[in-house]
Amino acid sequence: MSGQNAILNKITPDFMTLDELSAYCAMSKMTLRRWIKDGMPYFRFGRSIRVKVSDFDAWVSRFRSSGNATKEQVLAAWSKAAGRSE
């Protein structure tokens, strides 16, 4: 992590880079970039993309189909419904 990224993370701990978000939700950075194009909320700090964790969780929860699905199940179902596989 670069010095600038470390400073940003200390100032804004509620925000994740795409690398961090990828680990958080077990999806590839390519998928996350597609989701951004599909309307996933994000912020741009200079050239760096950051996603607010609470915004991401709310956005992903829109794709919950029924029952008590885990976040991983919701993400997999959304990718399958969108015709994308990981």
N, C-alpha and C. Protein backbone atom coordinates (compact mmCIF):
# COMPACT_ATOMS: atom_id res chain seq x y z
N MET A 1 0.86 -1.18 0.00
CA MET A 1 0.00 0.00 0.00
C MET A 1 0.90 1.23 0.00
N SER A 2 0.64 2.16 -0.88
CA SER A 2 1.46 3.36 -0.95
C SER A 2 1.20 4.26 0.25
N GLY A 3 2.11 5.21 0.49
CA GLY A 3 1.95 6.13 1.61
C GLY A 3 0.66 6.92 1.52
N GLN A 4 0.29 7.38 0.31
CA GLN A 4 -0.94 8.14 0.13
C GLN A 4 -2.16 7.29 0.45
N ASN A 5 -2.16 6.03 0.02
CA ASN A 5 -3.29 5.14 0.33
C ASN A 5 -3.40 4.88 1.81
N ALA A 6 -2.26 4.73 2.50
CA ALA A 6 -2.27 4.50 3.94
C ALA A 6 -2.87 5.70 4.66
N ILE A 7 -2.54 6.90 4.22
CA ILE A 7 -3.09 8.12 4.82
C ILE A 7 -4.58 8.20 4.57
N LEU A 8 -5.02 7.93 3.33
CA LEU A 8 -6.45 7.95 3.03
C LEU A 8 -7.22 6.95 3.87
N ASN A 9 -6.64 5.75 4.07
CA ASN A 9 -7.34 4.74 4.85
C ASN A 9 -7.44 5.13 6.32
N LYS A 10 -6.46 5.83 6.84
CA LYS A 10 -6.54 6.29 8.22
C LYS A 10 -7.58 7.39 8.37
N ILE A 11 -7.68 8.26 7.36
CA ILE A 11 -8.64 9.36 7.39
C ILE A 11 -10.04 8.86 7.13
N THR A 12 -10.18 7.92 6.20
CA THR A 12 -11.50 7.43 5.78
C THR A 12 -11.58 5.92 5.93
N PRO A 13 -11.61 5.39 7.16
CA PRO A 13 -11.60 3.93 7.32
C PRO A 13 -12.86 3.24 6.82
N ASP A 14 -13.92 4.00 6.55
CA ASP A 14 -15.16 3.42 6.03
C ASP A 14 -15.10 3.19 4.53
N PHE A 15 -14.01 3.57 3.89
CA PHE A 15 -13.85 3.42 2.45
C PHE A 15 -12.83 2.35 2.15
N MET A 16 -13.06 1.59 1.07
CA MET A 16 -12.13 0.54 0.64
C MET A 16 -11.69 0.78 -0.78
N THR A 17 -10.45 0.38 -1.06
CA THR A 17 -9.98 0.35 -2.44
C THR A 17 -10.63 -0.85 -3.12
N LEU A 18 -10.48 -0.95 -4.42
CA LEU A 18 -11.03 -2.11 -5.12
C LEU A 18 -10.34 -3.40 -4.68
N ASP A 19 -9.05 -3.33 -4.37
CA ASP A 19 -8.34 -4.51 -3.86
C ASP A 19 -8.94 -4.96 -2.53
N GLU A 20 -9.16 -4.01 -1.63
CA GLU A 20 -9.74 -4.33 -0.32
C GLU A 20 -11.17 -4.84 -0.46
N LEU A 21 -11.94 -4.18 -1.32
CA LEU A 21 -13.33 -4.59 -1.53
C LEU A 21 -13.39 -5.98 -2.16
N SER A 22 -12.46 -6.27 -3.04
CA SER A 22 -12.39 -7.58 -3.67
C SER A 22 -12.20 -8.67 -2.61
N ALA A 23 -11.32 -8.43 -1.65
CA ALA A 23 -11.11 -9.39 -0.56
C ALA A 23 -12.34 -9.47 0.34
N TYR A 24 -12.98 -8.33 0.58
CA TYR A 24 -14.14 -8.24 1.46
C TYR A 24 -15.32 -9.05 0.93
N CYS A 25 -15.56 -8.99 -0.38
CA CYS A 25 -16.74 -9.65 -0.95
C CYS A 25 -16.40 -10.88 -1.78
N ALA A 26 -15.12 -11.24 -1.86
CA ALA A 26 -14.68 -12.42 -2.60
C ALA A 26 -15.06 -12.37 -4.07
N MET A 27 -14.96 -11.20 -4.67
CA MET A 27 -15.22 -11.03 -6.09
C MET A 27 -13.97 -10.38 -6.72
N SER A 28 -13.78 -10.58 -8.00
CA SER A 28 -12.60 -10.04 -8.67
C SER A 28 -12.73 -8.53 -8.87
N LYS A 29 -11.57 -7.89 -9.04
CA LYS A 29 -11.59 -6.45 -9.33
C LYS A 29 -12.29 -6.18 -10.65
N MET A 30 -12.18 -7.08 -11.61
CA MET A 30 -12.85 -6.90 -12.89
C MET A 30 -14.37 -6.87 -12.68
N THR A 31 -14.88 -7.76 -11.85
CA THR A 31 -16.31 -7.77 -11.55
C THR A 31 -16.71 -6.47 -10.87
N LEU A 32 -15.91 -6.02 -9.92
CA LEU A 32 -16.23 -4.77 -9.24
C LEU A 32 -16.26 -3.59 -10.21
N ARG A 33 -15.33 -3.58 -11.16
CA ARG A 33 -15.33 -2.51 -12.16
C ARG A 33 -16.59 -2.58 -13.03
N ARG A 34 -17.04 -3.79 -13.36
CA ARG A 34 -18.29 -3.94 -14.13
C ARG A 34 -19.47 -3.45 -13.30
N TRP A 35 -19.46 -3.76 -12.01
CA TRP A 35 -20.55 -3.31 -11.14
C TRP A 35 -20.58 -1.80 -11.04
N ILE A 36 -19.41 -1.17 -11.05
CA ILE A 36 -19.36 0.30 -11.05
C ILE A 36 -20.05 0.82 -12.30
N LYS A 37 -19.75 0.21 -13.44
CA LYS A 37 -20.41 0.61 -14.69
C LYS A 37 -21.91 0.36 -14.64
N ASP A 38 -22.32 -0.65 -13.86
CA ASP A 38 -23.74 -0.98 -13.72
C ASP A 38 -24.44 -0.15 -12.66
N GLY A 39 -23.71 0.76 -12.02
CA GLY A 39 -24.36 1.66 -11.07
C GLY A 39 -23.97 1.52 -9.61
N MET A 40 -23.01 0.67 -9.30
CA MET A 40 -22.56 0.56 -7.92
C MET A 40 -21.96 1.90 -7.48
N PRO A 41 -22.35 2.40 -6.32
CA PRO A 41 -21.84 3.71 -5.89
C PRO A 41 -20.35 3.65 -5.54
N TYR A 42 -19.64 4.70 -5.91
CA TYR A 42 -18.21 4.78 -5.61
C TYR A 42 -17.79 6.24 -5.57
N PHE A 43 -16.60 6.46 -5.07
CA PHE A 43 -16.02 7.80 -5.02
C PHE A 43 -14.67 7.74 -5.71
N ARG A 44 -14.29 8.85 -6.30
CA ARG A 44 -12.97 8.96 -6.91
C ARG A 44 -12.21 10.04 -6.17
N PHE A 45 -11.08 9.64 -5.59
CA PHE A 45 -10.18 10.57 -4.92
C PHE A 45 -8.95 10.66 -5.81
N GLY A 46 -8.90 11.68 -6.65
CA GLY A 46 -7.82 11.76 -7.63
C GLY A 46 -7.98 10.61 -8.61
N ARG A 47 -6.95 9.77 -8.73
CA ARG A 47 -7.03 8.61 -9.62
C ARG A 47 -7.48 7.36 -8.88
N SER A 48 -7.67 7.47 -7.58
CA SER A 48 -8.00 6.32 -6.76
C SER A 48 -9.52 6.16 -6.61
N ILE A 49 -10.00 4.95 -6.80
CA ILE A 49 -11.43 4.65 -6.62
C ILE A 49 -11.60 4.09 -5.21
N ARG A 50 -12.59 4.61 -4.50
CA ARG A 50 -12.92 4.11 -3.17
C ARG A 50 -14.42 3.82 -3.12
N VAL A 51 -14.78 2.79 -2.36
CA VAL A 51 -16.17 2.42 -2.19
C VAL A 51 -16.47 2.46 -0.70
N LYS A 52 -17.52 3.17 -0.35
CA LYS A 52 -17.94 3.23 1.05
C LYS A 52 -18.60 1.90 1.39
N VAL A 53 -18.12 1.25 2.44
CA VAL A 53 -18.58 -0.09 2.78
C VAL A 53 -20.09 -0.12 2.99
N SER A 54 -20.64 0.86 3.70
CA SER A 54 -22.08 0.86 3.94
C SER A 54 -22.87 1.04 2.64
N ASP A 55 -22.35 1.83 1.70
CA ASP A 55 -23.01 1.99 0.40
C ASP A 55 -22.97 0.67 -0.37
N PHE A 56 -21.83 0.00 -0.34
CA PHE A 56 -21.70 -1.28 -1.04
C PHE A 56 -22.66 -2.31 -0.46
N ASP A 57 -22.68 -2.42 0.87
CA ASP A 57 -23.58 -3.40 1.50
C ASP A 57 -25.04 -3.12 1.16
N ALA A 58 -25.43 -1.85 1.16
CA ALA A 58 -26.81 -1.49 0.81
C ALA A 58 -27.09 -1.80 -0.66
N TRP A 59 -26.15 -1.50 -1.54
CA TRP A 59 -26.33 -1.74 -2.96
C TRP A 59 -26.46 -3.24 -3.24
N VAL A 60 -25.59 -4.05 -2.64
CA VAL A 60 -25.63 -5.49 -2.84
C VAL A 60 -26.92 -6.08 -2.28
N SER A 61 -27.40 -5.55 -1.17
CA SER A 61 -28.59 -6.12 -0.54
C SER A 61 -29.83 -5.98 -1.44
N ARG A 62 -29.79 -5.07 -2.39
CA ARG A 62 -30.91 -4.93 -3.33
C ARG A 62 -31.11 -6.18 -4.17
N PHE A 63 -30.08 -7.00 -4.29
CA PHE A 63 -30.14 -8.19 -5.13
C PHE A 63 -30.51 -9.44 -4.34
N ARG A 64 -30.81 -9.27 -3.07
CA ARG A 64 -31.23 -10.41 -2.25
C ARG A 64 -32.56 -10.92 -2.79
N SER A 65 -32.64 -12.21 -2.97
CA SER A 65 -33.85 -12.76 -3.56
C SER A 65 -34.85 -13.20 -2.50
N SER A 66 -34.43 -13.97 -1.54
CA SER A 66 -35.34 -14.41 -0.49
C SER A 66 -34.56 -15.15 0.59
N GLY A 67 -35.20 -15.38 1.68
CA GLY A 67 -34.60 -16.15 2.76
C GLY A 67 -33.48 -15.42 3.47
N ASN A 68 -32.62 -16.18 4.07
CA ASN A 68 -31.52 -15.62 4.85
C ASN A 68 -30.20 -15.90 4.14
N ALA A 69 -30.11 -15.49 2.91
CA ALA A 69 -28.90 -15.73 2.12
C ALA A 69 -27.73 -14.95 2.70
N THR A 70 -26.55 -15.54 2.59
CA THR A 70 -25.33 -14.86 3.00
C THR A 70 -24.93 -13.86 1.91
N LYS A 71 -24.03 -12.98 2.27
CA LYS A 71 -23.55 -12.00 1.29
C LYS A 71 -22.93 -12.71 0.09
N GLU A 72 -22.20 -13.81 0.35
CA GLU A 72 -21.56 -14.55 -0.74
C GLU A 72 -22.61 -15.15 -1.68
N GLN A 73 -23.70 -15.66 -1.11
CA GLN A 73 -24.77 -16.23 -1.93
C GLN A 73 -25.45 -15.15 -2.77
N VAL A 74 -25.65 -13.99 -2.18
CA VAL A 74 -26.26 -12.88 -2.91
C VAL A 74 -25.37 -12.45 -4.06
N LEU A 75 -24.07 -12.30 -3.79
CA LEU A 75 -23.14 -11.89 -4.84
C LEU A 75 -23.08 -12.91 -5.97
N ALA A 76 -23.05 -14.19 -5.61
CA ALA A 76 -23.02 -15.24 -6.64
C ALA A 76 -24.31 -15.23 -7.46
N ALA A 77 -25.45 -15.06 -6.79
CA ALA A 77 -26.73 -15.02 -7.50
C ALA A 77 -26.80 -13.83 -8.45
N TRP A 78 -26.29 -12.69 -8.01
CA TRP A 78 -26.32 -11.50 -8.86
C TRP A 78 -25.45 -11.72 -10.09
N SER A 79 -24.26 -12.26 -9.87
CA SER A 79 -23.38 -12.50 -11.01
C SER A 79 -24.00 -13.49 -11.99
N LYS A 80 -24.64 -14.54 -11.46
CA LYS A 80 -25.29 -15.53 -12.33
C LYS A 80 -26.45 -14.91 -13.11
N ALA A 81 -27.24 -14.08 -12.42
CA ALA A 81 -28.38 -13.42 -13.07
C ALA A 81 -27.92 -12.45 -14.14
N ALA A 82 -26.76 -11.86 -13.94
CA ALA A 82 -26.23 -10.92 -14.92
C ALA A 82 -25.49 -11.64 -16.05
N GLY A 83 -25.45 -12.97 -15.97
CA GLY A 83 -24.79 -13.75 -17.03
C GLY A 83 -23.30 -13.73 -16.93
N ARG A 84 -22.80 -13.51 -15.71
CA ARG A 84 -21.34 -13.43 -15.51
C ARG A 84 -20.94 -14.52 -14.52
N SER A 85 -19.80 -15.09 -14.75
CA SER A 85 -19.30 -16.09 -13.80
C SER A 85 -17.95 -15.66 -13.31
N GLU A 86 -17.64 -16.09 -12.12
CA GLU A 86 -16.33 -15.78 -11.50
C GLU A 86 -15.39 -16.93 -11.68
